[in-house]
PDB file of N, CA and C in Angstrom:
ATOM      1  N   MET A   1      86.075 114.050  85.014  1.00  0.00           N
ATOM      2  CA  MET A   1      84.991 114.957  84.714  1.00  0.00           C
ATOM      3  C   MET A   1      85.471 116.117  84.510  1.00  0.00           C
ATOM      4  N   ALA A   2      85.027 116.831  82.737  1.00  0.00           N
ATOM      5  CA  ALA A   2      85.334 118.622  83.220  1.00  0.00           C
ATOM      6  C   ALA A   2      84.345 119.100  83.238  1.00  0.00           C
ATOM      7  N   GLU A   3      84.244 120.456  83.230  1.00  0.00           N
ATOM      8  CA  GLU A   3      82.697 120.657  83.300  1.00  0.00           C
ATOM      9  C   GLU A   3      83.270 122.744  83.099  1.00  0.00           C
ATOM     10  N   ARG A   4      82.571 123.263  82.480  1.00  0.00           N
ATOM     11  CA  ARG A   4      82.779 124.931  82.374  1.00  0.00           C
ATOM     12  C   ARG A   4      82.686 125.314  83.388  1.00  0.00           C
ATOM     13  N   ASN A   5      83.359 125.731  84.099  1.00  0.00           N
ATOM     14  CA  ASN A   5      82.454 126.182  85.390  1.00  0.00           C
ATOM     15  C   ASN A   5      83.152 128.228  85.232  1.00  0.00           C
ATOM     16  N   GLY A   6      82.137 129.075  86.081  1.00  0.00           N
ATOM     17  CA  GLY A   6      81.661 130.677  86.182  1.00  0.00           C
ATOM     18  C   GLY A   6      82.195 131.606  84.505  1.00  0.00           C
ATOM     19  N   ALA A   7      82.371 132.526  84.246  1.00  0.00           N
ATOM     20  CA  ALA A   7      81.946 133.148  83.172  1.00  0.00           C
ATOM     21  C   ALA A   7      83.356 133.449  82.438  1.00  0.00           C
ATOM     22  N   ASP A   8      84.371 132.972  82.791  1.00  0.00           N
ATOM     23  CA  ASP A   8      85.631 132.785  82.150  1.00  0.00           C
ATOM     24  C   ASP A   8      85.901 131.637  81.595  1.00  0.00           C
ATOM     25  N   GLY A   9      85.051 131.081  81.329  1.00  0.00           N
ATOM     26  CA  GLY A   9      85.226 129.537  80.790  1.00  0.00           C
ATOM     27  C   GLY A   9      86.186 128.190  81.365  1.00  0.00           C
ATOM     28  N   GLN A  10      86.505 128.995  82.518  1.00  0.00           N
ATOM     29  CA  GLN A  10      87.788 127.747  82.855  1.00  0.00           C
ATOM     30  C   GLN A  10      86.902 126.161  83.439  1.00  0.00           C
ATOM     31  N   ILE A  11      88.210 125.601  83.020  1.00  0.00           N
ATOM     32  CA  ILE A  11      88.076 124.187  83.226  1.00  0.00           C
ATOM     33  C   ILE A  11      87.923 123.705  84.213  1.00  0.00           C
ATOM     34  N   ARG A  12      87.249 123.234  85.430  1.00  0.00           N
ATOM     35  CA  ARG A  12      87.959 122.435  86.317  1.00  0.00           C
ATOM     36  C   ARG A  12      87.612 120.814  86.354  1.00  0.00           C
ATOM     37  N   ARG A  13      88.611 120.681  86.897  1.00  0.00           N
ATOM     38  CA  ARG A  13      88.654 118.938  86.723  1.00  0.00           C
ATOM     39  C   ARG A  13      88.810 118.121  87.838  1.00  0.00           C
ATOM     40  N   GLU A  14      88.270 116.984  88.369  1.00  0.00           N
ATOM     41  CA  GLU A  14      88.083 115.967  89.328  1.00  0.00           C
ATOM     42  C   GLU A  14      89.300 115.767  89.364  1.00  0.00           C
ATOM     43  N   GLU A  15      90.529 115.620  90.100  1.00  0.00           N
ATOM     44  CA  GLU A  15      91.671 115.127  90.631  1.00  0.00           C
ATOM     45  C   GLU A  15      91.619 113.248  90.587  1.00  0.00           C
ATOM     46  N   ILE A  16      92.165 112.440  90.189  1.00  0.00           N
ATOM     47  CA  ILE A  16      91.884 111.259  90.687  1.00  0.00           C
ATOM     48  C   ILE A  16      92.913 110.459  91.287  1.00  0.00           C
ATOM     49  N   HIS A  17      92.941 110.081  92.268  1.00  0.00           N
ATOM     50  CA  HIS A  17      93.871 109.508  93.350  1.00  0.00           C
ATOM     51  C   HIS A  17      94.504 108.443  93.258  1.00  0.00           C
ATOM     52  N   LEU A  18      95.206 107.998  93.000  1.00  0.00           N
ATOM     53  CA  LEU A  18      96.651 106.525  92.647  1.00  0.00           C
ATOM     54  C   LEU A  18      97.062 106.671  94.211  1.00  0.00           C
ATOM     55  N   PRO A  19      96.923 104.934  94.458  1.00  0.00           N
ATOM     56  CA  PRO A  19      97.695 104.662  95.718  1.00  0.00           C
ATOM     57  C   PRO A  19      98.860 105.073  95.408  1.00  0.00           C
ATOM     58  N   GLY A  20     100.624 105.525  95.984  1.00  0.00           N
ATOM     59  CA  GLY A  20     101.800 105.115  95.788  1.00  0.00           C
ATOM     60  C   GLY A  20     102.098 103.253  95.711  1.00  0.00           C
ATOM     61  N   ASN A  21     103.279 103.297  95.124  1.00  0.00           N
ATOM     62  CA  ASN A  21     103.583 102.314  94.771  1.00  0.00           C
ATOM     63  C   ASN A  21     104.083 100.824  96.536  1.00  0.00           C
ATOM     64  N   SER A  22     103.497  99.909  96.898  1.00  0.00           N
ATOM     65  CA  SER A  22     103.270  99.809  97.873  1.00  0.00           C
ATOM     66  C   SER A  22     104.153  97.601  97.480  1.00  0.00           C
ATOM     67  N   VAL A  23     104.895  97.317  98.650  1.00  0.00           N
ATOM     68  CA  VAL A  23     105.192  95.755  97.597  1.00  0.00           C
ATOM     69  C   VAL A  23     104.607  95.359  98.959  1.00  0.00           C
ATOM     70  N   LEU A  24     103.433  96.066 100.118  1.00  0.00           N
ATOM     71  CA  LEU A  24     102.082  95.451 100.914  1.00  0.00           C
ATOM     72  C   LEU A  24     101.806  93.708 100.395  1.00  0.00           C
ATOM     73  N   PRO A  25     100.835  94.466  98.766  1.00  0.00           N
ATOM     74  CA  PRO A  25     100.204  93.089  98.033  1.00  0.00           C
ATOM     75  C   PRO A  25     101.144  92.098  98.080  1.00  0.00           C
ATOM     76  N   LEU A  26     102.621  92.904  97.976  1.00  0.00           N
ATOM     77  CA  LEU A  26     103.097  91.068  97.399  1.00  0.00           C
ATOM     78  C   LEU A  26     103.539  90.494  98.743  1.00  0.00           C
ATOM     79  N   LEU A  27     103.853  90.929  99.619  1.00  0.00           N
ATOM     80  CA  LEU A  27     103.922  90.672 100.567  1.00  0.00           C
ATOM     81  C   LEU A  27     102.960  89.775 101.276  1.00  0.00           C
ATOM     82  N   THR A  28     101.186  89.942 101.442  1.00  0.00           N
ATOM     83  CA  THR A  28     100.679  89.143 101.674  1.00  0.00           C
ATOM     84  C   THR A  28     100.711  88.208 100.627  1.00  0.00           C
ATOM     85  N   ALA A  29     100.680  88.339  99.710  1.00  0.00           N
ATOM     86  CA  ALA A  29     100.501  86.885  98.826  1.00  0.00           C
ATOM     87  C   ALA A  29     101.755  85.731  99.101  1.00  0.00           C
ATOM     88  N   VAL A  30     102.591  86.446  99.577  1.00  0.00           N
ATOM     89  CA  VAL A  30     103.120  85.593  99.718  1.00  0.00           C
ATOM     90  C   VAL A  30     103.698  84.426 101.050  1.00  0.00           C
ATOM     91  N   GLY A  31     103.414  85.887 102.228  1.00  0.00           N
ATOM     92  CA  GLY A  31     102.234  85.269 103.289  1.00  0.00           C
ATOM     93  C   GLY A  31     101.199  83.541 103.396  1.00  0.00           C
ATOM     94  N   ILE A  32     100.188  83.878 102.239  1.00  0.00           N
ATOM     95  CA  ILE A  32      99.422  83.493 101.447  1.00  0.00           C
ATOM     96  C   ILE A  32      99.627  82.113 101.498  1.00  0.00           C
ATOM     97  N   THR A  33     101.158  82.051 100.559  1.00  0.00           N
ATOM     98  CA  THR A  33     101.502  80.831  99.915  1.00  0.00           C
ATOM     99  C   THR A  33     102.350  80.181 100.453  1.00  0.00           C
ATOM    100  N   LEU A  34     103.284  80.712 101.544  1.00  0.00           N
ATOM    101  CA  LEU A  34     103.877  80.162 102.299  1.00  0.00           C
ATOM    102  C   LEU A  34     102.801  79.559 103.008  1.00  0.00           C
ATOM    103  N   ALA A  35     101.670  80.221 103.550  1.00  0.00           N
ATOM    104  CA  ALA A  35     100.871  79.332 104.472  1.00  0.00           C
ATOM    105  C   ALA A  35      99.941  77.813 104.138  1.00  0.00           C
ATOM    106  N   LEU A  36     100.184  78.175 102.606  1.00  0.00           N
ATOM    107  CA  LEU A  36      99.212  76.802 102.125  1.00  0.00           C
ATOM    108  C   LEU A  36     100.799  76.058 101.921  1.00  0.00           C
ATOM    109  N   VAL A  37     101.262  76.277 101.484  1.00  0.00           N
ATOM    110  CA  VAL A  37     102.419  75.307 101.358  1.00  0.00           C
ATOM    111  C   VAL A  37     102.750  74.258 102.514  1.00  0.00           C
ATOM    112  N   GLY A  38     102.680  75.069 104.172  1.00  0.00           N
ATOM    113  CA  GLY A  38     102.388  74.520 105.044  1.00  0.00           C
ATOM    114  C   GLY A  38     101.706  73.357 105.590  1.00  0.00           C
ATOM    115  N   LEU A  39     100.637  73.262 104.781  1.00  0.00           N
ATOM    116  CA  LEU A  39      99.577  72.417 104.823  1.00  0.00           C
ATOM    117  C   LEU A  39     100.821  70.931 104.521  1.00  0.00           C
ATOM    118  N   ILE A  40     101.209  71.071 103.259  1.00  0.00           N
ATOM    119  CA  ILE A  40     102.143  70.012 103.126  1.00  0.00           C
ATOM    120  C   ILE A  40     103.375  70.016 103.832  1.00  0.00           C
ATOM    121  N   LEU A  41     103.914  70.591 103.937  1.00  0.00           N
ATOM    122  CA  LEU A  41     105.229  70.596 104.817  1.00  0.00           C
ATOM    123  C   LEU A  41     105.453  70.266 106.144  1.00  0.00           C
ATOM    124  N   SER A  42     105.170  71.430 107.170  1.00  0.00           N
ATOM    125  CA  SER A  42     105.313  71.484 108.512  1.00  0.00           C
ATOM    126  C   SER A  42     104.364  72.773 109.278  1.00  0.00           C
ATOM    127  N   ASN A  43     104.154  72.923 110.087  1.00  0.00           N
ATOM    128  CA  ASN A  43     102.953  73.379 110.711  1.00  0.00           C
ATOM    129  C   ASN A  43     104.063  75.154 110.905  1.00  0.00           C
ATOM    130  N   LEU A  44     105.463  74.892 111.151  1.00  0.00           N
ATOM    131  CA  LEU A  44     105.863  76.178 111.243  1.00  0.00           C
ATOM    132  C   LEU A  44     105.829  76.956 110.099  1.00  0.00           C
ATOM    133  N   PHE A  45     105.609  76.305 108.921  1.00  0.00           N
ATOM    134  CA  PHE A  45     105.697  77.162 107.719  1.00  0.00           C
ATOM    135  C   PHE A  45     104.168  78.337 107.929  1.00  0.00           C
ATOM    136  N   ILE A  46     103.231  77.366 107.986  1.00  0.00           N
ATOM    137  CA  ILE A  46     101.536  77.833 107.965  1.00  0.00           C
ATOM    138  C   ILE A  46     102.247  78.925 109.965  1.00  0.00           C
ATOM    139  N   TYR A  47     102.300  78.809 110.655  1.00  0.00           N
ATOM    140  CA  TYR A  47     102.091  79.253 111.487  1.00  0.00           C
ATOM    141  C   TYR A  47     103.092  81.062 110.938  1.00  0.00           C
ATOM    142  N   ALA A  48     104.602  80.230 110.055  1.00  0.00           N
ATOM    143  CA  ALA A  48     105.167  81.790 109.678  1.00  0.00           C
ATOM    144  C   ALA A  48     104.216  82.892 108.841  1.00  0.00           C
ATOM    145  N   GLY A  49     103.715  81.967 107.593  1.00  0.00           N
ATOM    146  CA  GLY A  49     102.939  82.857 106.353  1.00  0.00           C
ATOM    147  C   GLY A  49     101.524  83.575 107.303  1.00  0.00           C
ATOM    148  N   LEU A  50     100.875  83.164 108.628  1.00  0.00           N
ATOM    149  CA  LEU A  50     100.149  83.958 108.809  1.00  0.00           C
ATOM    150  C   LEU A  50     100.386  84.890 109.281  1.00  0.00           C
ATOM    151  N   LEU A  51     101.386  84.827 110.069  1.00  0.00           N
ATOM    152  CA  LEU A  51     101.797  86.154 110.807  1.00  0.00           C
ATOM    153  C   LEU A  51     102.136  86.779 109.769  1.00  0.00           C
ATOM    154  N   LEU A  52     103.364  86.533 108.815  1.00  0.00           N
ATOM    155  CA  LEU A  52     103.762  87.142 107.904  1.00  0.00           C
ATOM    156  C   LEU A  52     102.057  87.815 106.931  1.00  0.00           C
ATOM    157  N   THR A  53     101.249  87.084 107.239  1.00  0.00           N
ATOM    158  CA  THR A  53      99.766  87.594 106.460  1.00  0.00           C
ATOM    159  C   THR A  53      99.115  88.620 107.261  1.00  0.00           C
ATOM    160  N   PHE A  54      98.920  88.556 108.556  1.00  0.00           N
ATOM    161  CA  PHE A  54      98.360  89.096 109.224  1.00  0.00           C
ATOM    162  C   PHE A  54      98.654  90.458 109.290  1.00  0.00           C
ATOM    163  N   ILE A  55     100.603  90.438 109.008  1.00  0.00           N
ATOM    164  CA  ILE A  55     101.199  91.739 109.412  1.00  0.00           C
ATOM    165  C   ILE A  55     101.411  93.003 108.462  1.00  0.00           C
ATOM    166  N   CYS A  56     101.138  92.275 107.449  1.00  0.00           N
ATOM    167  CA  CYS A  56     101.393  93.024 106.440  1.00  0.00           C
ATOM    168  C   CYS A  56      99.935  93.409 105.920  1.00  0.00           C
ATOM    169  N   ILE A  57      98.215  92.899 106.465  1.00  0.00           N
ATOM    170  CA  ILE A  57      97.568  93.341 106.255  1.00  0.00           C
ATOM    171  C   ILE A  57      97.141  94.694 107.101  1.00  0.00           C
ATOM    172  N   VAL A  58      97.564  94.262 107.977  1.00  0.00           N
ATOM    173  CA  VAL A  58      97.319  95.730 109.368  1.00  0.00           C
ATOM    174  C   VAL A  58      97.716  96.609 108.882  1.00  0.00           C
ATOM    175  N   ARG A  59      99.660  96.403 108.086  1.00  0.00           N
ATOM    176  CA  ARG A  59     100.081  97.613 107.977  1.00  0.00           C
ATOM    177  C   ARG A  59      98.994  97.951 106.669  1.00  0.00           C
ATOM    178  N   TRP A  60      98.519  97.219 105.703  1.00  0.00           N
ATOM    179  CA  TRP A  60      97.986  97.620 104.348  1.00  0.00           C
ATOM    180  C   TRP A  60      96.778  98.558 105.145  1.00  0.00           C
ATOM    181  N   VAL A  61      95.919  98.006 105.699  1.00  0.00           N
ATOM    182  CA  VAL A  61      95.154  98.969 106.151  1.00  0.00           C
ATOM    183  C   VAL A  61      95.295 100.177 106.813  1.00  0.00           C
ATOM    184  N   ARG A  62      96.634 100.099 107.332  1.00  0.00           N
ATOM    185  CA  ARG A  62      96.648 101.394 108.475  1.00  0.00           C
ATOM    186  C   ARG A  62      97.143 102.803 107.198  1.00  0.00           C
ATOM    187  N   VAL A  63      98.031 101.592 106.339  1.00  0.00           N
ATOM    188  CA  VAL A  63      98.231 102.876 105.494  1.00  0.00           C
ATOM    189  C   VAL A  63      97.300 103.771 104.470  1.00  0.00           C
ATOM    190  N   VAL A  64      96.242 102.050 104.259  1.00  0.00           N
ATOM    191  CA  VAL A  64      95.281 103.023 103.660  1.00  0.00           C
ATOM    192  C   VAL A  64      94.238 104.000 104.237  1.00  0.00           C
ATOM    193  N   GLY A  65      94.012 104.320 105.542  1.00  0.00           N
ATOM    194  CA  GLY A  65      93.691 104.987 106.189  1.00  0.00           C
ATOM    195  C   GLY A  65      94.392 106.432 106.456  1.00  0.00           C
ATOM    196  N   LYS A  66      95.575 105.871 106.494  1.00  0.00           N
ATOM    197  CA  LYS A  66      96.424 107.455 106.514  1.00  0.00           C
ATOM    198  C   LYS A  66      95.867 108.744 104.511  1.00  0.00           C
ATOM    199  N   GLU A  67      95.864 107.503 103.863  1.00  0.00           N
ATOM    200  CA  GLU A  67      96.008 108.393 102.132  1.00  0.00           C
ATOM    201  C   GLU A  67      94.531 108.534 102.662  1.00  0.00           C
ATOM    202  N   ILE A  68      93.363 107.921 103.315  1.00  0.00           N
ATOM    203  CA  ILE A  68      92.550 108.071 102.747  1.00  0.00           C
ATOM    204  C   ILE A  68      92.262 109.786 103.789  1.00  0.00           C
ATOM    205  N   GLU A  69      92.267 109.924 104.712  1.00  0.00           N
ATOM    206  CA  GLU A  69      92.766 110.933 105.612  1.00  0.00           C
ATOM    207  C   GLU A  69      93.041 112.438 104.844  1.00  0.00           C
ATOM    208  N   SER A  70      94.009 111.941 104.135  1.00  0.00           N
ATOM    209  CA  SER A  70      94.379 113.361 103.448  1.00  0.00           C
ATOM    210  C   SER A  70      93.613 113.913 102.444  1.00  0.00           C
ATOM    211  N   LEU A  71      93.125 112.741 101.682  1.00  0.00           N
ATOM    212  CA  LEU A  71      92.222 113.433 100.578  1.00  0.00           C
ATOM    213  C   LEU A  71      91.374 114.206 100.914  1.00  0.00           C
ATOM    214  N   PRO A  72      91.469 115.440 100.034  1.00  0.00           N
ATOM    215  CA  PRO A  72      90.109 116.171 100.179  1.00  0.00           C
ATOM    216  C   PRO A  72      88.325 115.709  99.854  1.00  0.00           C
ATOM    217  N   THR A  73      88.187 116.476 101.211  1.00  0.00           N
ATOM    218  CA  THR A  73      86.852 115.688 101.366  1.00  0.00           C
ATOM    219  C   THR A  73      85.853 116.459 100.477  1.00  0.00           C
ATOM    220  N   GLU A  74      85.801 117.840 100.126  1.00  0.00           N
ATOM    221  CA  GLU A  74      85.184 118.703  99.206  1.00  0.00           C
ATOM    222  C   GLU A  74      85.165 118.483  98.095  1.00  0.00           C
ATOM    223  N   ARG A  75      84.423 118.483  97.065  1.00  0.00           N
ATOM    224  CA  ARG A  75      84.383 118.420  96.290  1.00  0.00           C
ATOM    225  C   ARG A  75      83.772 119.572  94.680  1.00  0.00           C
ATOM    226  N   PRO A  76      85.497 119.618  93.730  1.00  0.00           N
ATOM    227  CA  PRO A  76      84.651 121.025  93.171  1.00  0.00           C
ATOM    228  C   PRO A  76      83.493 121.165  92.597  1.00  0.00           C
ATOM    229  N   GLU A  77      82.966 122.284  92.529  1.00  0.00           N
ATOM    230  CA  GLU A  77      81.634 122.602  91.640  1.00  0.00           C
ATOM    231  C   GLU A  77      81.950 123.112  90.629  1.00  0.00           C
TER     232      GLU A  77
END
């Protein structure tokens, strides 16, 4: 969104935050898939998949929390 601010006619733009690259969504999907495959093959796959999924989700939430804390709290007027 662009707005003209002040007498000088400068345009101030609101910045859009994009998250950085991460392998955590991929590993979470692999963990869920592994747990589902374990329903057919073995309980070991279920436990490994659930553990991988849990670890990835916890790390993912921490990374997002740190990114949100680093964002500016004020919006340009």
